[in-house]
Amino acid sequence: MNFIQRTIELARENVESGGRPFSCLIVKDTTVLAEGVNLVAQTRDPTAHAEICAIRKATATLHTEHLIGTEFYLLAHPCPMCLAAMYYCSPDRVVFITKREDYSGYYQDDRKYISFSSFYGEFAKPWNERRLPMTHQSDPDGISVYRRWQELNGKN
């Protein structure tokens, strides 16, 4: 199977059915474990990006949160949410087909606090300098949850 072509085909099918132009394949040992398309428009769930949908399927299939030994094929360079999810599940490699600057003339998805052009820079800022208002409100009981987790799990 040509994974690049399948990734493009999935995204095209999703667009034809009213979805957004994003797709993801997760492959292990030349076998497709999971396919995902962006389902945000269909579900109204802002986390239903193609990568997240595919990760949920693959981890359910493998019964693990780790995707070591897999490769991801994406139609587009991942957003920070999807990139963070990939860091957490640890695939061996990510292949993306289009760069944001390549498709920005055809697709825009700017939001209240970010645009594609400011996405990564915004996340790199210290939490108290981001456009999204954030406040740190400390409570000494908060850390007790972590202490209890350590007691139960014996981990540092």
N, C-alpha and C. Protein backbone atom coordinates (compact mmCIF):
# COMPACT_ATOMS: atom_id res chain seq x y z
N MET A 1 0.84 -1.19 0.00
CA MET A 1 0.00 0.00 0.00
C MET A 1 0.88 1.24 0.00
N ASN A 2 0.49 2.22 -0.76
CA ASN A 2 1.18 3.51 -0.79
C ASN A 2 0.54 4.38 0.31
N PHE A 3 1.26 4.54 1.43
CA PHE A 3 0.69 5.24 2.59
C PHE A 3 0.44 6.72 2.32
N ILE A 4 1.29 7.32 1.51
CA ILE A 4 1.10 8.74 1.15
C ILE A 4 -0.20 8.89 0.37
N GLN A 5 -0.38 8.06 -0.63
CA GLN A 5 -1.60 8.15 -1.44
C GLN A 5 -2.85 7.84 -0.62
N ARG A 6 -2.76 6.88 0.29
CA ARG A 6 -3.92 6.55 1.13
C ARG A 6 -4.26 7.72 2.05
N THR A 7 -3.27 8.40 2.57
CA THR A 7 -3.48 9.57 3.43
C THR A 7 -4.21 10.66 2.65
N ILE A 8 -3.77 10.91 1.43
CA ILE A 8 -4.41 11.92 0.57
C ILE A 8 -5.85 11.50 0.25
N GLU A 9 -6.04 10.24 -0.07
CA GLU A 9 -7.37 9.72 -0.41
C GLU A 9 -8.34 9.88 0.78
N LEU A 10 -7.87 9.56 1.98
CA LEU A 10 -8.72 9.71 3.18
C LEU A 10 -9.17 11.16 3.36
N ALA A 11 -8.23 12.08 3.23
CA ALA A 11 -8.57 13.49 3.39
C ALA A 11 -9.55 13.94 2.32
N ARG A 12 -9.33 13.52 1.10
CA ARG A 12 -10.24 13.88 0.00
C ARG A 12 -11.65 13.34 0.27
N GLU A 13 -11.75 12.09 0.72
CA GLU A 13 -13.05 11.50 1.04
C GLU A 13 -13.75 12.28 2.16
N ASN A 14 -12.97 12.71 3.14
CA ASN A 14 -13.55 13.47 4.24
C ASN A 14 -14.09 14.82 3.77
N VAL A 15 -13.34 15.48 2.90
CA VAL A 15 -13.79 16.76 2.34
C VAL A 15 -15.09 16.55 1.56
N GLU A 16 -15.15 15.49 0.76
CA GLU A 16 -16.34 15.21 -0.05
C GLU A 16 -17.56 14.92 0.83
N SER A 17 -17.34 14.45 2.04
CA SER A 17 -18.47 14.15 2.92
C SER A 17 -18.74 15.27 3.94
N GLY A 18 -18.15 16.45 3.70
CA GLY A 18 -18.43 17.61 4.55
C GLY A 18 -17.42 17.87 5.64
N GLY A 19 -16.35 17.10 5.68
CA GLY A 19 -15.33 17.28 6.71
C GLY A 19 -14.22 18.21 6.28
N ARG A 20 -13.24 18.32 7.12
CA ARG A 20 -12.09 19.20 6.87
C ARG A 20 -10.94 18.40 6.25
N PRO A 21 -10.02 19.10 5.57
CA PRO A 21 -8.99 18.42 4.77
C PRO A 21 -7.78 17.93 5.56
N PHE A 22 -8.02 17.01 6.48
CA PHE A 22 -6.91 16.47 7.28
C PHE A 22 -7.13 14.98 7.49
N SER A 23 -6.01 14.22 7.47
CA SER A 23 -6.09 12.77 7.66
C SER A 23 -4.80 12.26 8.29
N CYS A 24 -4.89 11.05 8.84
CA CYS A 24 -3.74 10.43 9.50
C CYS A 24 -3.84 8.92 9.36
N LEU A 25 -2.73 8.30 9.02
CA LEU A 25 -2.59 6.85 9.06
C LEU A 25 -1.56 6.54 10.14
N ILE A 26 -1.80 5.49 10.90
CA ILE A 26 -0.79 4.99 11.83
C ILE A 26 -0.45 3.58 11.37
N VAL A 27 0.84 3.38 11.09
CA VAL A 27 1.32 2.15 10.47
C VAL A 27 2.33 1.48 11.39
N LYS A 28 2.20 0.16 11.51
CA LYS A 28 3.18 -0.63 12.26
C LYS A 28 3.55 -1.84 11.40
N ASP A 29 4.83 -2.00 11.15
CA ASP A 29 5.32 -3.14 10.36
C ASP A 29 4.58 -3.26 9.03
N THR A 30 4.46 -2.17 8.33
CA THR A 30 3.80 -2.07 7.01
C THR A 30 2.31 -2.38 7.02
N THR A 31 1.69 -2.44 8.20
CA THR A 31 0.25 -2.67 8.32
C THR A 31 -0.39 -1.42 8.91
N VAL A 32 -1.50 -0.99 8.33
CA VAL A 32 -2.22 0.17 8.85
C VAL A 32 -2.97 -0.27 10.12
N LEU A 33 -2.59 0.32 11.25
CA LEU A 33 -3.27 0.07 12.52
C LEU A 33 -4.54 0.89 12.64
N ALA A 34 -4.46 2.13 12.17
CA ALA A 34 -5.59 3.04 12.33
C ALA A 34 -5.56 4.12 11.27
N GLU A 35 -6.74 4.54 10.89
CA GLU A 35 -6.92 5.69 10.00
C GLU A 35 -7.79 6.69 10.73
N GLY A 36 -7.49 7.96 10.53
CA GLY A 36 -8.30 9.00 11.13
C GLY A 36 -8.45 10.17 10.19
N VAL A 37 -9.60 10.79 10.26
CA VAL A 37 -9.83 12.04 9.55
C VAL A 37 -10.29 13.08 10.55
N ASN A 38 -10.20 14.32 10.17
CA ASN A 38 -10.65 15.41 11.03
C ASN A 38 -12.18 15.38 11.08
N LEU A 39 -12.72 15.17 12.28
CA LEU A 39 -14.16 15.08 12.46
C LEU A 39 -14.74 16.27 13.23
N VAL A 40 -13.99 17.36 13.30
CA VAL A 40 -14.44 18.53 14.05
C VAL A 40 -15.76 19.06 13.51
N ALA A 41 -15.86 19.23 12.21
CA ALA A 41 -17.10 19.76 11.62
C ALA A 41 -18.28 18.83 11.85
N GLN A 42 -18.04 17.53 11.74
CA GLN A 42 -19.12 16.56 11.89
C GLN A 42 -19.57 16.40 13.34
N THR A 43 -18.62 16.47 14.28
CA THR A 43 -18.94 16.18 15.69
C THR A 43 -19.05 17.42 16.56
N ARG A 44 -18.56 18.54 16.07
CA ARG A 44 -18.47 19.78 16.85
C ARG A 44 -17.53 19.62 18.06
N ASP A 45 -16.66 18.62 17.98
CA ASP A 45 -15.66 18.37 19.02
C ASP A 45 -14.34 18.95 18.55
N PRO A 46 -13.84 20.02 19.19
CA PRO A 46 -12.61 20.66 18.71
C PRO A 46 -11.37 19.81 18.88
N THR A 47 -11.46 18.69 19.59
CA THR A 47 -10.31 17.80 19.72
C THR A 47 -10.34 16.65 18.72
N ALA A 48 -11.34 16.59 17.87
CA ALA A 48 -11.49 15.47 16.93
C ALA A 48 -10.64 15.66 15.68
N HIS A 49 -9.38 16.01 15.86
CA HIS A 49 -8.44 16.13 14.75
C HIS A 49 -8.09 14.73 14.26
N ALA A 50 -7.64 14.64 13.04
CA ALA A 50 -7.33 13.35 12.43
C ALA A 50 -6.33 12.55 13.26
N GLU A 51 -5.28 13.21 13.73
CA GLU A 51 -4.26 12.52 14.51
C GLU A 51 -4.83 11.97 15.82
N ILE A 52 -5.63 12.78 16.49
CA ILE A 52 -6.22 12.36 17.77
C ILE A 52 -7.16 11.18 17.54
N CYS A 53 -7.99 11.25 16.51
CA CYS A 53 -8.91 10.15 16.19
C CYS A 53 -8.14 8.87 15.88
N ALA A 54 -7.07 8.97 15.12
CA ALA A 54 -6.27 7.79 14.78
C ALA A 54 -5.54 7.25 16.01
N ILE A 55 -5.01 8.13 16.84
CA ILE A 55 -4.33 7.69 18.06
C ILE A 55 -5.30 6.92 18.95
N ARG A 56 -6.51 7.42 19.10
CA ARG A 56 -7.50 6.73 19.94
C ARG A 56 -7.78 5.32 19.41
N LYS A 57 -7.88 5.17 18.10
CA LYS A 57 -8.13 3.85 17.51
C LYS A 57 -6.92 2.93 17.71
N ALA A 58 -5.73 3.44 17.43
CA ALA A 58 -4.53 2.61 17.50
C ALA A 58 -4.24 2.17 18.93
N THR A 59 -4.38 3.07 19.89
CA THR A 59 -4.10 2.69 21.27
C THR A 59 -5.15 1.71 21.79
N ALA A 60 -6.39 1.83 21.34
CA ALA A 60 -7.42 0.86 21.72
C ALA A 60 -7.11 -0.51 21.12
N THR A 61 -6.65 -0.53 19.89
CA THR A 61 -6.30 -1.80 19.23
C THR A 61 -5.13 -2.48 19.93
N LEU A 62 -4.11 -1.70 20.28
CA LEU A 62 -2.90 -2.26 20.90
C LEU A 62 -3.00 -2.38 22.42
N HIS A 63 -4.04 -1.81 23.02
CA HIS A 63 -4.22 -1.83 24.48
C HIS A 63 -3.02 -1.21 25.21
N THR A 64 -2.56 -0.07 24.69
CA THR A 64 -1.44 0.64 25.30
C THR A 64 -1.51 2.11 24.90
N GLU A 65 -0.93 2.95 25.72
CA GLU A 65 -0.84 4.37 25.40
C GLU A 65 0.41 4.69 24.58
N HIS A 66 1.26 3.69 24.40
CA HIS A 66 2.53 3.88 23.70
C HIS A 66 2.43 3.36 22.27
N LEU A 67 2.87 4.17 21.33
CA LEU A 67 2.86 3.76 19.93
C LEU A 67 4.28 3.67 19.38
N ILE A 68 5.19 3.21 20.23
CA ILE A 68 6.57 2.97 19.82
C ILE A 68 6.54 1.89 18.74
N GLY A 69 7.34 2.08 17.71
CA GLY A 69 7.38 1.12 16.62
C GLY A 69 6.40 1.44 15.51
N THR A 70 5.74 2.58 15.59
CA THR A 70 4.78 2.97 14.56
C THR A 70 5.30 4.17 13.77
N GLU A 71 4.67 4.39 12.64
CA GLU A 71 4.90 5.59 11.83
C GLU A 71 3.56 6.25 11.59
N PHE A 72 3.56 7.58 11.63
CA PHE A 72 2.36 8.36 11.34
C PHE A 72 2.52 8.99 9.96
N TYR A 73 1.46 8.96 9.18
CA TYR A 73 1.41 9.66 7.90
C TYR A 73 0.29 10.68 8.01
N LEU A 74 0.61 11.95 7.80
CA LEU A 74 -0.33 13.05 7.97
C LEU A 74 -0.44 13.84 6.68
N LEU A 75 -1.64 14.35 6.40
CA LEU A 75 -1.77 15.21 5.24
C LEU A 75 -1.05 16.53 5.48
N ALA A 76 -1.11 17.04 6.71
CA ALA A 76 -0.53 18.36 7.01
C ALA A 76 0.35 18.31 8.25
N HIS A 77 1.27 19.24 8.33
CA HIS A 77 2.08 19.40 9.53
C HIS A 77 1.13 19.53 10.72
N PRO A 78 1.38 18.84 11.82
CA PRO A 78 0.43 18.81 12.93
C PRO A 78 0.35 20.12 13.70
N CYS A 79 -0.84 20.37 14.24
CA CYS A 79 -1.03 21.51 15.15
C CYS A 79 -0.38 21.16 16.49
N PRO A 80 -0.22 22.12 17.38
CA PRO A 80 0.41 21.84 18.67
C PRO A 80 -0.31 20.77 19.49
N MET A 81 -1.64 20.72 19.45
CA MET A 81 -2.36 19.70 20.22
C MET A 81 -1.98 18.31 19.72
N CYS A 82 -1.99 18.13 18.41
CA CYS A 82 -1.68 16.83 17.84
C CYS A 82 -0.20 16.50 18.00
N LEU A 83 0.64 17.50 17.86
CA LEU A 83 2.07 17.29 18.06
C LEU A 83 2.34 16.83 19.49
N ALA A 84 1.69 17.46 20.45
CA ALA A 84 1.86 17.06 21.85
C ALA A 84 1.39 15.63 22.06
N ALA A 85 0.27 15.26 21.46
CA ALA A 85 -0.24 13.89 21.59
C ALA A 85 0.76 12.90 21.00
N MET A 86 1.39 13.26 19.90
CA MET A 86 2.38 12.37 19.29
C MET A 86 3.61 12.23 20.18
N TYR A 87 4.02 13.31 20.82
CA TYR A 87 5.13 13.21 21.76
C TYR A 87 4.77 12.23 22.89
N TYR A 88 3.55 12.29 23.35
CA TYR A 88 3.12 11.41 24.43
C TYR A 88 3.09 9.94 24.01
N CYS A 89 2.66 9.64 22.82
CA CYS A 89 2.54 8.24 22.41
C CYS A 89 3.79 7.72 21.71
N SER A 90 4.71 8.57 21.35
CA SER A 90 6.07 8.21 20.92
C SER A 90 6.19 7.33 19.68
N PRO A 91 5.63 7.74 18.54
CA PRO A 91 5.88 6.95 17.33
C PRO A 91 7.36 7.06 16.93
N ASP A 92 7.79 6.14 16.09
CA ASP A 92 9.18 6.19 15.63
C ASP A 92 9.42 7.30 14.62
N ARG A 93 8.37 7.63 13.85
CA ARG A 93 8.55 8.63 12.79
C ARG A 93 7.20 9.22 12.42
N VAL A 94 7.23 10.49 12.01
CA VAL A 94 6.04 11.19 11.50
C VAL A 94 6.38 11.72 10.12
N VAL A 95 5.54 11.40 9.15
CA VAL A 95 5.71 11.88 7.78
C VAL A 95 4.51 12.78 7.48
N PHE A 96 4.77 14.03 7.08
CA PHE A 96 3.66 14.90 6.70
C PHE A 96 3.84 15.34 5.25
N ILE A 97 2.71 15.52 4.58
CA ILE A 97 2.71 15.73 3.13
C ILE A 97 2.71 17.22 2.75
N THR A 98 1.96 18.03 3.48
CA THR A 98 1.92 19.47 3.14
C THR A 98 2.33 20.31 4.33
N LYS A 99 2.97 21.43 4.03
CA LYS A 99 3.33 22.41 5.05
C LYS A 99 2.25 23.48 5.10
N ARG A 100 2.12 24.10 6.23
CA ARG A 100 1.10 25.12 6.44
C ARG A 100 1.19 26.23 5.39
N GLU A 101 2.40 26.66 5.08
CA GLU A 101 2.54 27.73 4.08
C GLU A 101 2.10 27.27 2.69
N ASP A 102 2.13 25.96 2.46
CA ASP A 102 1.67 25.43 1.17
C ASP A 102 0.15 25.52 1.02
N TYR A 103 -0.57 25.26 2.10
CA TYR A 103 -2.04 25.22 1.98
C TYR A 103 -2.75 26.45 2.56
N SER A 104 -2.02 27.38 3.14
CA SER A 104 -2.66 28.52 3.80
C SER A 104 -3.47 29.40 2.85
N GLY A 105 -3.17 29.38 1.58
CA GLY A 105 -3.97 30.13 0.61
C GLY A 105 -5.32 29.50 0.32
N TYR A 106 -5.49 28.26 0.76
CA TYR A 106 -6.73 27.51 0.49
C TYR A 106 -7.53 27.20 1.75
N TYR A 107 -6.86 27.17 2.89
CA TYR A 107 -7.53 26.78 4.13
C TYR A 107 -6.99 27.60 5.29
N GLN A 108 -7.88 28.22 6.04
CA GLN A 108 -7.53 28.98 7.25
C GLN A 108 -8.44 28.50 8.38
N ASP A 109 -7.89 28.42 9.56
CA ASP A 109 -8.70 28.01 10.72
C ASP A 109 -8.28 28.81 11.94
N ASP A 110 -8.23 30.12 11.78
CA ASP A 110 -7.82 30.98 12.87
C ASP A 110 -8.88 30.98 13.98
N ARG A 111 -8.42 31.16 15.20
CA ARG A 111 -9.29 31.14 16.37
C ARG A 111 -9.10 32.42 17.18
N LYS A 112 -9.84 32.54 18.25
CA LYS A 112 -9.84 33.75 19.05
C LYS A 112 -8.44 34.15 19.54
N TYR A 113 -7.67 33.21 20.03
CA TYR A 113 -6.38 33.54 20.62
C TYR A 113 -5.18 33.21 19.73
N ILE A 114 -5.42 32.51 18.63
CA ILE A 114 -4.30 32.11 17.78
C ILE A 114 -4.70 32.10 16.31
N SER A 115 -3.69 32.18 15.48
CA SER A 115 -3.84 31.94 14.05
C SER A 115 -2.78 30.90 13.70
N PHE A 116 -2.87 30.30 12.53
CA PHE A 116 -1.84 29.35 12.15
C PHE A 116 -0.46 30.00 12.15
N SER A 117 -0.40 31.25 11.78
CA SER A 117 0.91 31.90 11.73
C SER A 117 1.47 32.19 13.12
N SER A 118 0.63 32.22 14.15
CA SER A 118 1.11 32.50 15.50
C SER A 118 1.06 31.30 16.43
N PHE A 119 0.56 30.17 15.95
CA PHE A 119 0.33 28.99 16.78
C PHE A 119 1.53 28.62 17.64
N TYR A 120 2.63 28.29 17.01
CA TYR A 120 3.77 27.77 17.75
C TYR A 120 4.42 28.83 18.62
N GLY A 121 4.50 30.05 18.16
CA GLY A 121 5.07 31.12 18.97
C GLY A 121 4.25 31.37 20.23
N GLU A 122 2.96 31.26 20.13
CA GLU A 122 2.09 31.47 21.29
C GLU A 122 2.33 30.41 22.35
N PHE A 123 2.50 29.18 21.93
CA PHE A 123 2.71 28.09 22.88
C PHE A 123 4.09 28.14 23.51
N ALA A 124 5.03 28.76 22.84
CA ALA A 124 6.40 28.86 23.36
C ALA A 124 6.53 29.92 24.45
N LYS A 125 5.57 30.81 24.54
CA LYS A 125 5.62 31.88 25.53
C LYS A 125 5.41 31.33 26.94
N PRO A 126 5.95 32.01 27.96
CA PRO A 126 5.60 31.64 29.33
C PRO A 126 4.08 31.76 29.52
N TRP A 127 3.52 30.93 30.38
CA TRP A 127 2.07 30.87 30.54
C TRP A 127 1.44 32.24 30.83
N ASN A 128 2.13 33.10 31.55
CA ASN A 128 1.57 34.40 31.92
C ASN A 128 1.73 35.47 30.85
N GLU A 129 2.30 35.11 29.69
CA GLU A 129 2.44 36.05 28.58
C GLU A 129 1.60 35.66 27.37
N ARG A 130 0.86 34.57 27.46
CA ARG A 130 0.05 34.11 26.34
C ARG A 130 -1.19 34.98 26.18
N ARG A 131 -1.74 34.97 24.96
CA ARG A 131 -2.96 35.73 24.69
C ARG A 131 -4.16 35.15 25.43
N LEU A 132 -4.18 33.83 25.63
CA LEU A 132 -5.23 33.19 26.41
C LEU A 132 -5.01 33.55 27.87
N PRO A 133 -5.94 34.27 28.50
CA PRO A 133 -5.74 34.65 29.90
C PRO A 133 -5.62 33.42 30.80
N MET A 134 -4.54 33.38 31.57
CA MET A 134 -4.30 32.28 32.50
C MET A 134 -3.89 32.86 33.84
N THR A 135 -4.40 32.27 34.90
CA THR A 135 -4.08 32.71 36.26
C THR A 135 -3.64 31.49 37.07
N HIS A 136 -2.58 31.63 37.82
CA HIS A 136 -2.14 30.56 38.71
C HIS A 136 -2.71 30.85 40.08
N GLN A 137 -3.48 29.93 40.62
CA GLN A 137 -4.07 30.09 41.94
C GLN A 137 -3.66 28.88 42.77
N SER A 138 -2.60 29.05 43.55
CA SER A 138 -2.04 27.96 44.32
C SER A 138 -2.92 27.57 45.49
N ASP A 139 -2.94 26.28 45.80
CA ASP A 139 -3.63 25.75 46.98
C ASP A 139 -2.77 24.61 47.49
N PRO A 140 -2.38 24.64 48.76
CA PRO A 140 -1.49 23.60 49.28
C PRO A 140 -2.05 22.18 49.17
N ASP A 141 -3.36 22.03 49.10
CA ASP A 141 -3.95 20.69 48.97
C ASP A 141 -3.74 20.11 47.58
N GLY A 142 -3.46 20.94 46.61
CA GLY A 142 -3.27 20.45 45.24
C GLY A 142 -2.15 19.43 45.14
N ILE A 143 -1.02 19.71 45.76
CA ILE A 143 0.13 18.81 45.66
C ILE A 143 -0.12 17.50 46.38
N SER A 144 -1.07 17.48 47.32
CA SER A 144 -1.35 16.24 48.06
C SER A 144 -1.84 15.13 47.13
N VAL A 145 -2.47 15.50 46.03
CA VAL A 145 -2.93 14.49 45.07
C VAL A 145 -1.74 13.76 44.48
N TYR A 146 -0.68 14.49 44.17
CA TYR A 146 0.51 13.89 43.60
C TYR A 146 1.27 13.05 44.62
N ARG A 147 1.30 13.54 45.85
CA ARG A 147 1.93 12.76 46.91
C ARG A 147 1.21 11.41 47.08
N ARG A 148 -0.11 11.46 47.07
CA ARG A 148 -0.89 10.23 47.21
C ARG A 148 -0.64 9.29 46.04
N TRP A 149 -0.55 9.83 44.83
CA TRP A 149 -0.26 9.00 43.66
C TRP A 149 1.08 8.30 43.85
N GLN A 150 2.07 9.03 44.33
CA GLN A 150 3.40 8.46 44.54
C GLN A 150 3.34 7.36 45.60
N GLU A 151 2.59 7.58 46.67
CA GLU A 151 2.45 6.56 47.72
C GLU A 151 1.83 5.28 47.14
N LEU A 152 0.82 5.42 46.33
CA LEU A 152 0.13 4.26 45.77
C LEU A 152 0.93 3.56 44.69
N ASN A 153 1.75 4.32 43.98
CA ASN A 153 2.48 3.76 42.83
C ASN A 153 3.96 3.57 43.06
N GLY A 154 4.48 4.10 44.16
CA GLY A 154 5.89 3.90 44.49
C GLY A 154 6.85 4.44 43.45
N LYS A 155 6.46 5.52 42.79
CA LYS A 155 7.32 6.08 41.73
C LYS A 155 7.71 7.50 42.09
N ASN A 156 8.86 7.90 41.58
CA ASN A 156 9.31 9.29 41.79
C ASN A 156 8.93 10.13 40.61
